[in-house]
């Protein structure tokens, strides 16, 4: 990919972004190093960060559009995986149920329709 910027400008941007990323990450480590205990007002929202990150990573895969509209096979398989995860709390069972449902839908049910 060609650009009109010279090598010093590109390396300057890469260096600036690297320093900014390091500063952001180090600021949290340094901040929590000074605190003996995380305040409850900060701890309460932090409890929801893993679920929010997981949802942000997984949800777009379930709600994608294919040529025919909403990808129902992914949505149904994801729903099956969510139910299995909720009932069993087993990662292996969740993956097996989700992939089994997706393959069953794609190779057995949807081609017959």
Foldseek 3Di string as FASTA:
>chain_A
DDDPDDPVVVVVVVVVVVVVVVVVVVVVVVVVVPDPDDDPVVVVVVVCVVVVVVCVVPVCQQADADPVGGPVLSVVLQVQLVVCCVVPVDPVSSVCSSVVSSCCCVPPPVVVD
